[in-house]
Amino acid sequence: MHFDVFNGDADGILALVQLRLSLPKESTLITGVKRDISLVQQVPVDSASSVTVLDVSMEKNTSALQNLLNNDVAVFYVDHHRTGDVPESPLLTSLVNTSPDVCTSLLINDYLNGQHNLWAIAAAYGDNLKAVANRHCSLNGINSMLSNQLEALGTYVNYNGYGRTTDDLHFHPADLYQQLLAYENPTSLFSNKSSLFYDLETAYQQDMNKAQTAEVLFDNDICKVVCLDDAAWSRRVSGVFGNELANQAPNKAHGVLTRNLDGSYTVSVRAPLNNKQGADEVCIQFPTGGGRAGAAGINALPEEQIETFISVLHNYYD
């Protein structure tokens, strides 16, 4: 039995869409909300013959990955997050690049020689790699109307991945993947006014309008930190709102806090777009932190550590 394990954001979903459009395969899907990254451990070792892992931090899944390899399960692993110690095994094929200008979908795009590059470009936009996505559009002769549509698609699919649980989401990531897989080309989504693209667009705009009233906890020339209400809509926009703030002020770092049930806070961090490094270094200073150089997060920041977080964020980029 084959398992496809993928992050529930735009990069993970659209990487798998590309892969399975080119290389169809019967598989069992394992995914979840964007911050649910300990996904490899959900693969049942006894029944797995092979596994594909997309856009899931190897560093956070090392023991589960090693367990699969120890049980003779072949693993194809593609990612752009921190790796930690990469296991050595002939059963492991890995395509990992932690450059801040790379995402998993772009790695899959290269692997497939650009067979479904429009999906990869949408994913790059969704991961807020706007300059990279624009360059791919230019190289492929994509006009501004289509590039704007691909940017919107990536943004909306990414937005759908954020939530405390999948109950917060408009579409379960596995369902969203399966619906998108029905489209050989994303342009068909844009021409169909009843497609899920327009459903997500309406929901996204409603939630982002609410985010404009976010409480500002700290703001200067170095960084800005805001706090959103404890609500499903705020959990859905926590990541994409951080991207929007980063695009508005590319020289500043940004942090978006959302309150959790236990009184702690989920934190989304964006490095300055003009200095895309260090977001992961900031977040790993806290027990539940992780991510990549340009964008990272903390799953449960205690309330008493908010000031410490702001200080660490500010001092890192000062």
C-alpha atoms as a PDB file:
ATOM      1  CA  MET A   1       0.000   0.000   0.000  1.00  0.00           C
ATOM      2  CA  HIS A   2       1.303   3.458  -0.931  1.00  0.00           C
ATOM      3  CA  PHE A   3       0.801   6.551   1.252  1.00  0.00           C
ATOM      4  CA  ASP A   4       0.946  10.187   0.121  1.00  0.00           C
ATOM      5  CA  VAL A   5       1.834  12.403   3.092  1.00  0.00           C
ATOM      6  CA  PHE A   6       1.570  16.143   2.464  1.00  0.00           C
ATOM      7  CA  ASN A   7       1.220  19.470   4.207  1.00  0.00           C
ATOM      8  CA  GLY A   8      -2.297  20.912   4.047  1.00  0.00           C
ATOM      9  CA  ASP A   9      -1.168  24.253   2.605  1.00  0.00           C
ATOM     10  CA  ALA A  10      -0.843  25.383  -1.017  1.00  0.00           C
ATOM     11  CA  ASP A  11       2.702  24.092  -1.392  1.00  0.00           C
ATOM     12  CA  GLY A  12       1.965  20.590  -0.126  1.00  0.00           C
ATOM     13  CA  ILE A  13      -1.354  20.209  -1.943  1.00  0.00           C
ATOM     14  CA  LEU A  14      -0.186  21.602  -5.277  1.00  0.00           C
ATOM     15  CA  ALA A  15       3.042  19.606  -5.171  1.00  0.00           C
ATOM     16  CA  LEU A  16       0.966  16.435  -4.933  1.00  0.00           C
ATOM     17  CA  VAL A  17      -1.431  17.628  -7.653  1.00  0.00           C
ATOM     18  CA  GLN A  18       1.530  17.999 -10.026  1.00  0.00           C
ATOM     19  CA  LEU A  19       3.027  14.658  -9.048  1.00  0.00           C
ATOM     20  CA  ARG A  20      -0.162  12.648  -9.436  1.00  0.00           C
ATOM     21  CA  LEU A  21      -1.194  14.342 -12.677  1.00  0.00           C
ATOM     22  CA  SER A  22       2.116  13.170 -14.134  1.00  0.00           C
ATOM     23  CA  LEU A  23       2.523   9.940 -12.174  1.00  0.00           C
ATOM     24  CA  PRO A  24      -0.925   8.611 -11.191  1.00  0.00           C
ATOM     25  CA  LYS A  25      -0.840   6.228  -8.257  1.00  0.00           C
ATOM     26  CA  GLU A  26      -3.415   4.658  -5.972  1.00  0.00           C
ATOM     27  CA  SER A  27      -2.641   5.918  -2.506  1.00  0.00           C
ATOM     28  CA  THR A  28      -3.920   6.607   0.971  1.00  0.00           C
ATOM     29  CA  LEU A  29      -3.770  10.306   1.856  1.00  0.00           C
ATOM     30  CA  ILE A  30      -2.343  11.628   5.127  1.00  0.00           C
ATOM     31  CA  THR A  31      -2.588  15.371   5.719  1.00  0.00           C
ATOM     32  CA  GLY A  32      -4.060  17.963   8.073  1.00  0.00           C
ATOM     33  CA  VAL A  33      -4.021  21.649   8.922  1.00  0.00           C
ATOM     34  CA  LYS A  34      -0.890  23.516   7.923  1.00  0.00           C
ATOM     35  CA  ARG A  35       0.684  23.339  11.379  1.00  0.00           C
ATOM     36  CA  ASP A  36       0.054  19.619  11.722  1.00  0.00           C
ATOM     37  CA  ILE A  37       3.528  18.580  10.604  1.00  0.00           C
ATOM     38  CA  SER A  38       4.116  15.375  12.582  1.00  0.00           C
ATOM     39  CA  LEU A  39       2.430  13.488   9.780  1.00  0.00           C
ATOM     40  CA  VAL A  40       4.935  10.760   8.950  1.00  0.00           C
ATOM     41  CA  GLN A  41       4.238   8.990  12.252  1.00  0.00           C
ATOM     42  CA  GLN A  42       0.654   8.444  11.058  1.00  0.00           C
ATOM     43  CA  VAL A  43       1.847   6.051   8.359  1.00  0.00           C
ATOM     44  CA  PRO A  44       1.133   2.471   9.501  1.00  0.00           C
ATOM     45  CA  VAL A  45       4.486   0.734   9.118  1.00  0.00           C
ATOM     46  CA  ASP A  46       2.973  -2.747   8.949  1.00  0.00           C
ATOM     47  CA  SER A  47       0.856  -1.992   5.876  1.00  0.00           C
ATOM     48  CA  ALA A  48       3.029   0.540   4.007  1.00  0.00           C
ATOM     49  CA  SER A  49       5.081  -0.570   1.021  1.00  0.00           C
ATOM     50  CA  SER A  50       6.104   2.926  -0.089  1.00  0.00           C
ATOM     51  CA  VAL A  51       5.580   6.524   1.007  1.00  0.00           C
ATOM     52  CA  THR A  52       5.797   9.949  -0.623  1.00  0.00           C
ATOM     53  CA  VAL A  53       6.292  12.906   1.749  1.00  0.00           C
ATOM     54  CA  LEU A  54       5.794  16.464   0.480  1.00  0.00           C
ATOM     55  CA  ASP A  55       6.395  19.772   2.261  1.00  0.00           C
ATOM     56  CA  VAL A  56       6.753  18.262   5.729  1.00  0.00           C
ATOM     57  CA  SER A  57       9.817  19.045   7.863  1.00  0.00           C
ATOM     58  CA  MET A  58      12.161  16.076   8.014  1.00  0.00           C
ATOM     59  CA  GLU A  59      13.611  17.450  11.252  1.00  0.00           C
ATOM     60  CA  LYS A  60      10.201  17.085  12.933  1.00  0.00           C
ATOM     61  CA  ASN A  61       9.711  13.550  11.578  1.00  0.00           C
ATOM     62  CA  THR A  62      13.159  11.991  11.840  1.00  0.00           C
ATOM     63  CA  SER A  63      12.276   9.090  14.123  1.00  0.00           C
ATOM     64  CA  ALA A  64       9.138   8.170  12.155  1.00  0.00           C
ATOM     65  CA  LEU A  65      11.094   8.344   8.903  1.00  0.00           C
ATOM     66  CA  GLN A  66      13.857   6.164  10.307  1.00  0.00           C
ATOM     67  CA  ASN A  67      11.264   3.666  11.499  1.00  0.00           C
ATOM     68  CA  LEU A  68       9.858   3.351   7.979  1.00  0.00           C
ATOM     69  CA  LEU A  69      13.311   2.831   6.514  1.00  0.00           C
ATOM     70  CA  ASN A  70      14.177   0.274   9.192  1.00  0.00           C
ATOM     71  CA  ASN A  71      11.087  -1.666   8.139  1.00  0.00           C
ATOM     72  CA  ASP A  72      12.080  -1.718   4.450  1.00  0.00           C
ATOM     73  CA  VAL A  73       9.593   0.963   3.354  1.00  0.00           C
ATOM     74  CA  ALA A  74      10.791   3.039   0.398  1.00  0.00           C
ATOM     75  CA  VAL A  75      10.379   6.791   0.931  1.00  0.00           C
ATOM     76  CA  PHE A  76      10.408   9.647  -1.600  1.00  0.00           C
ATOM     77  CA  TYR A  77      10.862  12.862   0.421  1.00  0.00           C
ATOM     78  CA  VAL A  78      10.617  16.358  -1.098  1.00  0.00           C
ATOM     79  CA  ASP A  79      10.786  19.454   1.110  1.00  0.00           C
ATOM     80  CA  HIS A  80      12.325  22.892   1.751  1.00  0.00           C
ATOM     81  CA  HIS A  81      12.285  23.033   5.568  1.00  0.00           C
ATOM     82  CA  ARG A  82      15.033  22.282   8.070  1.00  0.00           C
ATOM     83  CA  THR A  83      16.173  18.673   7.753  1.00  0.00           C
ATOM     84  CA  GLY A  84      18.115  17.889  10.906  1.00  0.00           C
ATOM     85  CA  ASP A  85      20.179  14.729  10.434  1.00  0.00           C
ATOM     86  CA  VAL A  86      19.165  13.050   7.176  1.00  0.00           C
ATOM     87  CA  PRO A  87      19.011   9.248   7.540  1.00  0.00           C
ATOM     88  CA  GLU A  88      21.331   7.265   5.306  1.00  0.00           C
ATOM     89  CA  SER A  89      19.445   4.521   3.494  1.00  0.00           C
ATOM     90  CA  PRO A  90      19.184   3.189  -0.066  1.00  0.00           C
ATOM     91  CA  LEU A  91      15.414   3.233   0.492  1.00  0.00           C
ATOM     92  CA  LEU A  92      15.360   7.026   0.904  1.00  0.00           C
ATOM     93  CA  THR A  93      15.213   9.318  -2.120  1.00  0.00           C
ATOM     94  CA  SER A  94      15.207  12.944  -1.020  1.00  0.00           C
ATOM     95  CA  LEU A  95      14.957  16.234  -2.865  1.00  0.00           C
ATOM     96  CA  VAL A  96      15.540  18.858  -0.201  1.00  0.00           C
ATOM     97  CA  ASN A  97      16.539  22.486  -0.730  1.00  0.00           C
ATOM     98  CA  THR A  98      16.268  24.927   2.179  1.00  0.00           C
ATOM     99  CA  SER A  99      16.927  28.065   0.107  1.00  0.00           C
ATOM    100  CA  PRO A 100      14.439  30.830   1.027  1.00  0.00           C
ATOM    101  CA  ASP A 101      13.550  31.190  -2.671  1.00  0.00           C
ATOM    102  CA  VAL A 102      12.467  27.571  -3.108  1.00  0.00           C
ATOM    103  CA  CYS A 103       9.295  25.691  -2.198  1.00  0.00           C
ATOM    104  CA  THR A 104       8.332  22.034  -2.493  1.00  0.00           C
ATOM    105  CA  SER A 105       6.124  22.598  -5.537  1.00  0.00           C
ATOM    106  CA  LEU A 106       9.014  24.217  -7.410  1.00  0.00           C
ATOM    107  CA  LEU A 107      11.193  21.208  -6.551  1.00  0.00           C
ATOM    108  CA  ILE A 108       8.494  18.898  -7.910  1.00  0.00           C
ATOM    109  CA  ASN A 109       8.186  21.155 -10.971  1.00  0.00           C
ATOM    110  CA  ASP A 110      11.894  20.648 -11.667  1.00  0.00           C
ATOM    111  CA  TYR A 111      11.577  16.913 -11.015  1.00  0.00           C
ATOM    112  CA  LEU A 112       8.768  16.701 -13.590  1.00  0.00           C
ATOM    113  CA  ASN A 113      10.550  18.992 -16.066  1.00  0.00           C
ATOM    114  CA  GLY A 114       7.804  21.601 -15.863  1.00  0.00           C
ATOM    115  CA  GLN A 115       4.950  19.360 -17.001  1.00  0.00           C
ATOM    116  CA  HIS A 116       2.437  21.217 -14.798  1.00  0.00           C
ATOM    117  CA  ASN A 117       4.223  24.476 -14.141  1.00  0.00           C
ATOM    118  CA  LEU A 118       1.067  26.578 -13.656  1.00  0.00           C
ATOM    119  CA  TRP A 119       0.274  24.617 -10.494  1.00  0.00           C
ATOM    120  CA  ALA A 120       3.861  25.136  -9.289  1.00  0.00           C
ATOM    121  CA  ILE A 121       3.675  28.875  -9.919  1.00  0.00           C
ATOM    122  CA  ALA A 122       0.394  29.098  -7.982  1.00  0.00           C
ATOM    123  CA  ALA A 123       2.060  27.278  -5.076  1.00  0.00           C
ATOM    124  CA  ALA A 124       5.032  29.644  -5.132  1.00  0.00           C
ATOM    125  CA  TYR A 125       2.644  32.583  -4.880  1.00  0.00           C
ATOM    126  CA  GLY A 126       0.876  30.792  -2.032  1.00  0.00           C
ATOM    127  CA  ASP A 127       4.178  30.428  -0.180  1.00  0.00           C
ATOM    128  CA  ASN A 128       4.684  34.201  -0.646  1.00  0.00           C
ATOM    129  CA  LEU A 129       7.579  33.692  -3.081  1.00  0.00           C
ATOM    130  CA  LYS A 130       6.136  36.454  -5.217  1.00  0.00           C
ATOM    131  CA  ALA A 131       9.341  37.538  -6.937  1.00  0.00           C
ATOM    132  CA  VAL A 132      10.193  33.923  -7.791  1.00  0.00           C
ATOM    133  CA  ALA A 133       6.681  33.254  -9.095  1.00  0.00           C
ATOM    134  CA  ASN A 134       6.754  36.455 -11.159  1.00  0.00           C
ATOM    135  CA  ARG A 135      10.056  35.351 -12.687  1.00  0.00           C
ATOM    136  CA  HIS A 136       8.580  31.989 -13.651  1.00  0.00           C
ATOM    137  CA  CYS A 137       5.605  33.764 -15.223  1.00  0.00           C
ATOM    138  CA  SER A 138       7.933  35.963 -17.254  1.00  0.00           C
ATOM    139  CA  LEU A 139      10.079  33.029 -18.383  1.00  0.00           C
ATOM    140  CA  ASN A 140       6.961  31.114 -19.455  1.00  0.00           C
ATOM    141  CA  GLY A 141       5.286  34.021 -21.249  1.00  0.00           C
ATOM    142  CA  ILE A 142       2.346  34.140 -18.827  1.00  0.00           C
ATOM    143  CA  ASN A 143       0.330  37.338 -19.127  1.00  0.00           C
ATOM    144  CA  SER A 144      -0.544  39.550 -16.179  1.00  0.00           C
ATOM    145  CA  MET A 145      -4.179  38.427 -16.029  1.00  0.00           C
ATOM    146  CA  LEU A 146      -3.252  34.766 -15.656  1.00  0.00           C
ATOM    147  CA  SER A 147      -0.399  35.509 -13.245  1.00  0.00           C
ATOM    148  CA  ASN A 148      -2.829  37.457 -11.040  1.00  0.00           C
ATOM    149  CA  GLN A 149      -5.235  34.516 -11.114  1.00  0.00           C
ATOM    150  CA  LEU A 150      -2.456  32.075 -10.187  1.00  0.00           C
ATOM    151  CA  GLU A 151      -1.426  34.352  -7.323  1.00  0.00           C
ATOM    152  CA  ALA A 152      -4.999  34.444  -6.061  1.00  0.00           C
ATOM    153  CA  LEU A 153      -5.317  30.653  -6.341  1.00  0.00           C
ATOM    154  CA  GLY A 154      -2.127  30.041  -4.376  1.00  0.00           C
ATOM    155  CA  THR A 155      -3.174  32.552  -1.737  1.00  0.00           C
ATOM    156  CA  TYR A 156      -6.645  31.045  -1.315  1.00  0.00           C
ATOM    157  CA  VAL A 157      -5.436  27.433  -1.148  1.00  0.00           C
ATOM    158  CA  ASN A 158      -2.813  28.475   1.403  1.00  0.00           C
ATOM    159  CA  TYR A 159      -5.417  30.392   3.413  1.00  0.00           C
ATOM    160  CA  ASN A 160      -7.571  27.262   3.542  1.00  0.00           C
ATOM    161  CA  GLY A 161      -4.832  25.338   5.356  1.00  0.00           C
ATOM    162  CA  TYR A 162      -4.742  27.440   8.520  1.00  0.00           C
ATOM    163  CA  GLY A 163      -6.824  26.454  11.523  1.00  0.00           C
ATOM    164  CA  ARG A 164      -6.740  24.895  14.976  1.00  0.00           C
ATOM    165  CA  THR A 165      -8.313  21.745  13.536  1.00  0.00           C
ATOM    166  CA  THR A 166      -9.725  20.828  10.136  1.00  0.00           C
ATOM    167  CA  ASP A 167     -13.133  21.954  11.446  1.00  0.00           C
ATOM    168  CA  ASP A 168     -11.899  25.552  11.037  1.00  0.00           C
ATOM    169  CA  LEU A 169     -11.202  25.003   7.340  1.00  0.00           C
ATOM    170  CA  HIS A 170     -13.576  25.486   4.428  1.00  0.00           C
ATOM    171  CA  PHE A 171     -12.225  22.314   2.782  1.00  0.00           C
ATOM    172  CA  HIS A 172     -10.383  19.415   4.378  1.00  0.00           C
ATOM    173  CA  PRO A 173      -6.938  19.442   2.674  1.00  0.00           C
ATOM    174  CA  ALA A 174      -7.423  15.897   1.365  1.00  0.00           C
ATOM    175  CA  ASP A 175     -10.781  16.869  -0.180  1.00  0.00           C
ATOM    176  CA  LEU A 176      -9.321  20.054  -1.646  1.00  0.00           C
ATOM    177  CA  TYR A 177      -6.460  18.084  -3.196  1.00  0.00           C
ATOM    178  CA  GLN A 178      -8.847  15.565  -4.751  1.00  0.00           C
ATOM    179  CA  GLN A 179     -11.052  18.310  -6.192  1.00  0.00           C
ATOM    180  CA  LEU A 180      -8.080  20.151  -7.673  1.00  0.00           C
ATOM    181  CA  LEU A 181      -6.683  16.930  -9.127  1.00  0.00           C
ATOM    182  CA  ALA A 182      -9.719  16.816 -11.414  1.00  0.00           C
ATOM    183  CA  TYR A 183      -8.311  19.863 -13.248  1.00  0.00           C
ATOM    184  CA  GLU A 184      -5.425  19.205 -15.612  1.00  0.00           C
ATOM    185  CA  ASN A 185      -4.876  22.939 -15.748  1.00  0.00           C
ATOM    186  CA  PRO A 186      -5.842  25.618 -13.194  1.00  0.00           C
ATOM    187  CA  THR A 187      -7.196  27.880 -15.944  1.00  0.00           C
ATOM    188  CA  SER A 188     -10.316  25.681 -15.961  1.00  0.00           C
ATOM    189  CA  LEU A 189     -10.942  26.759 -12.355  1.00  0.00           C
ATOM    190  CA  PHE A 190     -10.929  30.412 -13.345  1.00  0.00           C
ATOM    191  CA  SER A 191     -13.327  30.003 -16.282  1.00  0.00           C
ATOM    192  CA  ASN A 192     -15.904  28.128 -14.177  1.00  0.00           C
ATOM    193  CA  LYS A 193     -17.714  30.693 -12.027  1.00  0.00           C
ATOM    194  CA  SER A 194     -19.146  27.938  -9.816  1.00  0.00           C
ATOM    195  CA  SER A 195     -15.731  26.399  -9.062  1.00  0.00           C
ATOM    196  CA  LEU A 196     -14.199  26.199  -5.590  1.00  0.00           C
ATOM    197  CA  PHE A 197     -11.824  29.015  -6.580  1.00  0.00           C
ATOM    198  CA  TYR A 198     -14.647  31.530  -6.285  1.00  0.00           C
ATOM    199  CA  ASP A 199     -15.984  29.957  -3.091  1.00  0.00           C
ATOM    200  CA  LEU A 200     -12.558  30.391  -1.494  1.00  0.00           C
ATOM    201  CA  GLU A 201     -12.224  33.906  -2.883  1.00  0.00           C
ATOM    202  CA  THR A 202     -15.428  35.048  -1.186  1.00  0.00           C
ATOM    203  CA  ALA A 203     -14.464  33.450   2.139  1.00  0.00           C
ATOM    204  CA  TYR A 204     -10.926  34.856   1.978  1.00  0.00           C
ATOM    205  CA  GLN A 205     -12.084  38.412   1.360  1.00  0.00           C
ATOM    206  CA  GLN A 206     -14.601  38.260   4.210  1.00  0.00           C
ATOM    207  CA  ASP A 207     -12.003  37.001   6.691  1.00  0.00           C
ATOM    208  CA  MET A 208      -9.269  39.402   5.587  1.00  0.00           C
ATOM    209  CA  ASN A 209     -11.620  42.365   6.009  1.00  0.00           C
ATOM    210  CA  LYS A 210     -12.025  41.352   9.659  1.00  0.00           C
ATOM    211  CA  ALA A 211      -8.245  41.091  10.111  1.00  0.00           C
ATOM    212  CA  GLN A 212      -7.782  44.797   9.404  1.00  0.00           C
ATOM    213  CA  THR A 213      -8.899  45.496  13.002  1.00  0.00           C
ATOM    214  CA  ALA A 214      -6.064  43.407  14.519  1.00  0.00           C
ATOM    215  CA  GLU A 215      -4.610  44.715  17.783  1.00  0.00           C
ATOM    216  CA  VAL A 216      -1.067  46.049  17.296  1.00  0.00           C
ATOM    217  CA  LEU A 217       1.201  44.851  20.133  1.00  0.00           C
ATOM    218  CA  PHE A 218       4.420  46.368  18.809  1.00  0.00           C
ATOM    219  CA  ASP A 219       5.430  48.370  15.745  1.00  0.00           C
ATOM    220  CA  ASN A 220       8.616  50.179  14.749  1.00  0.00           C
ATOM    221  CA  ASP A 221      11.009  50.279  11.776  1.00  0.00           C
ATOM    222  CA  ILE A 222      12.350  46.794  12.609  1.00  0.00           C
ATOM    223  CA  CYS A 223       9.243  44.681  13.153  1.00  0.00           C
ATOM    224  CA  LYS A 224       5.511  44.669  13.699  1.00  0.00           C
ATOM    225  CA  VAL A 225       3.565  42.244  15.903  1.00  0.00           C
ATOM    226  CA  VAL A 226      -0.236  42.015  15.892  1.00  0.00           C
ATOM    227  CA  CYS A 227      -2.777  39.903  17.746  1.00  0.00           C
ATOM    228  CA  LEU A 228      -5.975  38.471  16.288  1.00  0.00           C
ATOM    229  CA  ASP A 229      -9.187  37.504  18.077  1.00  0.00           C
ATOM    230  CA  ASP A 230      -9.762  33.911  19.195  1.00  0.00           C
ATOM    231  CA  ALA A 231     -12.093  32.870  16.384  1.00  0.00           C
ATOM    232  CA  ALA A 232     -12.165  30.480  13.448  1.00  0.00           C
ATOM    233  CA  TRP A 233     -11.789  33.333  10.946  1.00  0.00           C
ATOM    234  CA  SER A 234      -8.658  34.646  12.677  1.00  0.00           C
ATOM    235  CA  ARG A 235      -7.067  31.209  12.728  1.00  0.00           C
ATOM    236  CA  ARG A 236      -7.770  30.907   9.000  1.00  0.00           C
ATOM    237  CA  VAL A 237      -6.063  34.213   8.132  1.00  0.00           C
ATOM    238  CA  SER A 238      -3.143  34.019  10.578  1.00  0.00           C
ATOM    239  CA  GLY A 239      -0.650  33.005   7.893  1.00  0.00           C
ATOM    240  CA  VAL A 240      -1.924  34.886   4.848  1.00  0.00           C
ATOM    241  CA  PHE A 241      -2.378  38.063   6.908  1.00  0.00           C
ATOM    242  CA  GLY A 242       1.293  37.794   7.858  1.00  0.00           C
ATOM    243  CA  ASN A 243       2.130  37.530   4.161  1.00  0.00           C
ATOM    244  CA  GLU A 244       0.057  40.615   3.393  1.00  0.00           C
ATOM    245  CA  LEU A 245       1.772  42.616   6.129  1.00  0.00           C
ATOM    246  CA  ALA A 246       5.165  41.492   4.813  1.00  0.00           C
ATOM    247  CA  ASN A 247       4.273  42.583   1.293  1.00  0.00           C
ATOM    248  CA  GLN A 248       3.126  45.987   2.565  1.00  0.00           C
ATOM    249  CA  ALA A 249       6.362  46.596   4.532  1.00  0.00           C
ATOM    250  CA  PRO A 250       9.118  44.435   2.950  1.00  0.00           C
ATOM    251  CA  ASN A 251      11.893  45.815   5.163  1.00  0.00           C
ATOM    252  CA  LYS A 252      10.194  44.743   8.411  1.00  0.00           C
ATOM    253  CA  ALA A 253       9.736  41.389  10.146  1.00  0.00           C
ATOM    254  CA  HIS A 254       6.195  40.495  11.198  1.00  0.00           C
ATOM    255  CA  GLY A 255       4.538  38.344  13.822  1.00  0.00           C
ATOM    256  CA  VAL A 256       0.841  37.424  13.958  1.00  0.00           C
ATOM    257  CA  LEU A 257      -0.479  35.961  17.230  1.00  0.00           C
ATOM    258  CA  THR A 258      -3.716  34.007  17.607  1.00  0.00           C
ATOM    259  CA  ARG A 259      -4.948  32.778  20.992  1.00  0.00           C
ATOM    260  CA  ASN A 260      -5.224  29.017  21.640  1.00  0.00           C
ATOM    261  CA  LEU A 261      -7.721  27.160  23.829  1.00  0.00           C
ATOM    262  CA  ASP A 262      -5.184  26.739  26.643  1.00  0.00           C
ATOM    263  CA  GLY A 263      -4.361  30.456  26.767  1.00  0.00           C
ATOM    264  CA  SER A 264      -1.154  30.160  24.772  1.00  0.00           C
ATOM    265  CA  TYR A 265      -0.744  31.707  21.322  1.00  0.00           C
ATOM    266  CA  THR A 266      -0.108  30.382  17.841  1.00  0.00           C
ATOM    267  CA  VAL A 267       2.465  32.618  16.164  1.00  0.00           C
ATOM    268  CA  SER A 268       3.161  33.136  12.460  1.00  0.00           C
ATOM    269  CA  VAL A 269       6.479  34.840  11.717  1.00  0.00           C
ATOM    270  CA  ARG A 270       7.558  36.397   8.418  1.00  0.00           C
ATOM    271  CA  ALA A 271      11.115  37.524   7.810  1.00  0.00           C
ATOM    272  CA  PRO A 272      11.492  40.832   5.946  1.00  0.00           C
ATOM    273  CA  LEU A 273      10.953  40.175   2.248  1.00  0.00           C
ATOM    274  CA  ASN A 274      14.146  42.119   1.553  1.00  0.00           C
ATOM    275  CA  ASN A 275      16.079  39.961   4.020  1.00  0.00           C
ATOM    276  CA  LYS A 276      14.473  36.510   3.855  1.00  0.00           C
ATOM    277  CA  GLN A 277      16.395  34.744   6.584  1.00  0.00           C
ATOM    278  CA  GLY A 278      16.108  34.039  10.273  1.00  0.00           C
ATOM    279  CA  ALA A 279      12.401  33.379  10.803  1.00  0.00           C
ATOM    280  CA  ASP A 280      13.205  29.781  11.739  1.00  0.00           C
ATOM    281  CA  GLU A 281      16.090  30.907  13.964  1.00  0.00           C
ATOM    282  CA  VAL A 282      13.704  33.149  15.884  1.00  0.00           C
ATOM    283  CA  CYS A 283      11.031  30.482  16.286  1.00  0.00           C
ATOM    284  CA  ILE A 284      13.243  27.557  17.288  1.00  0.00           C
ATOM    285  CA  GLN A 285      14.231  29.527  20.389  1.00  0.00           C
ATOM    286  CA  PHE A 286      10.788  28.523  21.698  1.00  0.00           C
ATOM    287  CA  PRO A 287       9.856  24.867  22.426  1.00  0.00           C
ATOM    288  CA  THR A 288       7.105  24.505  19.820  1.00  0.00           C
ATOM    289  CA  GLY A 289       8.769  26.630  17.140  1.00  0.00           C
ATOM    290  CA  GLY A 290       9.991  25.659  13.692  1.00  0.00           C
ATOM    291  CA  GLY A 291       9.784  26.468  10.005  1.00  0.00           C
ATOM    292  CA  ARG A 292      12.039  27.888   7.342  1.00  0.00           C
ATOM    293  CA  ALA A 293      14.190  30.949   6.828  1.00  0.00           C
ATOM    294  CA  GLY A 294      11.545  33.168   5.264  1.00  0.00           C
ATOM    295  CA  ALA A 295       8.482  32.000   7.189  1.00  0.00           C
ATOM    296  CA  ALA A 296       8.158  30.102  10.442  1.00  0.00           C
ATOM    297  CA  GLY A 297       5.916  29.729  13.461  1.00  0.00           C
ATOM    298  CA  ILE A 298       5.361  28.751  17.062  1.00  0.00           C
ATOM    299  CA  ASN A 299       2.469  26.436  17.856  1.00  0.00           C
ATOM    300  CA  ALA A 300       2.026  27.322  21.543  1.00  0.00           C
ATOM    301  CA  LEU A 301       3.679  30.481  22.893  1.00  0.00           C
ATOM    302  CA  PRO A 302       2.798  30.992  26.586  1.00  0.00           C
ATOM    303  CA  GLU A 303       1.200  34.366  27.266  1.00  0.00           C
ATOM    304  CA  GLU A 304       3.979  35.292  29.691  1.00  0.00           C
ATOM    305  CA  GLN A 305       6.514  34.890  26.867  1.00  0.00           C
ATOM    306  CA  ILE A 306       4.907  37.350  24.445  1.00  0.00           C
ATOM    307  CA  GLU A 307       7.236  40.167  25.458  1.00  0.00           C
ATOM    308  CA  THR A 308      10.198  37.803  25.198  1.00  0.00           C
ATOM    309  CA  PHE A 309       9.105  36.805  21.703  1.00  0.00           C
ATOM    310  CA  ILE A 310       8.802  40.435  20.617  1.00  0.00           C
ATOM    311  CA  SER A 311      12.253  41.143  22.047  1.00  0.00           C
ATOM    312  CA  VAL A 312      13.806  38.127  20.271  1.00  0.00           C
ATOM    313  CA  LEU A 313      12.164  39.077  16.972  1.00  0.00           C
ATOM    314  CA  HIS A 314      13.240  42.702  17.244  1.00  0.00           C
ATOM    315  CA  ASN A 315      16.789  41.977  18.342  1.00  0.00           C
ATOM    316  CA  TYR A 316      17.357  39.403  15.610  1.00  0.00           C
ATOM    317  CA  TYR A 317      16.621  41.871  12.827  1.00  0.00           C
ATOM    318  CA  ASP A 318      17.956  45.020  14.517  1.00  0.00           C
END
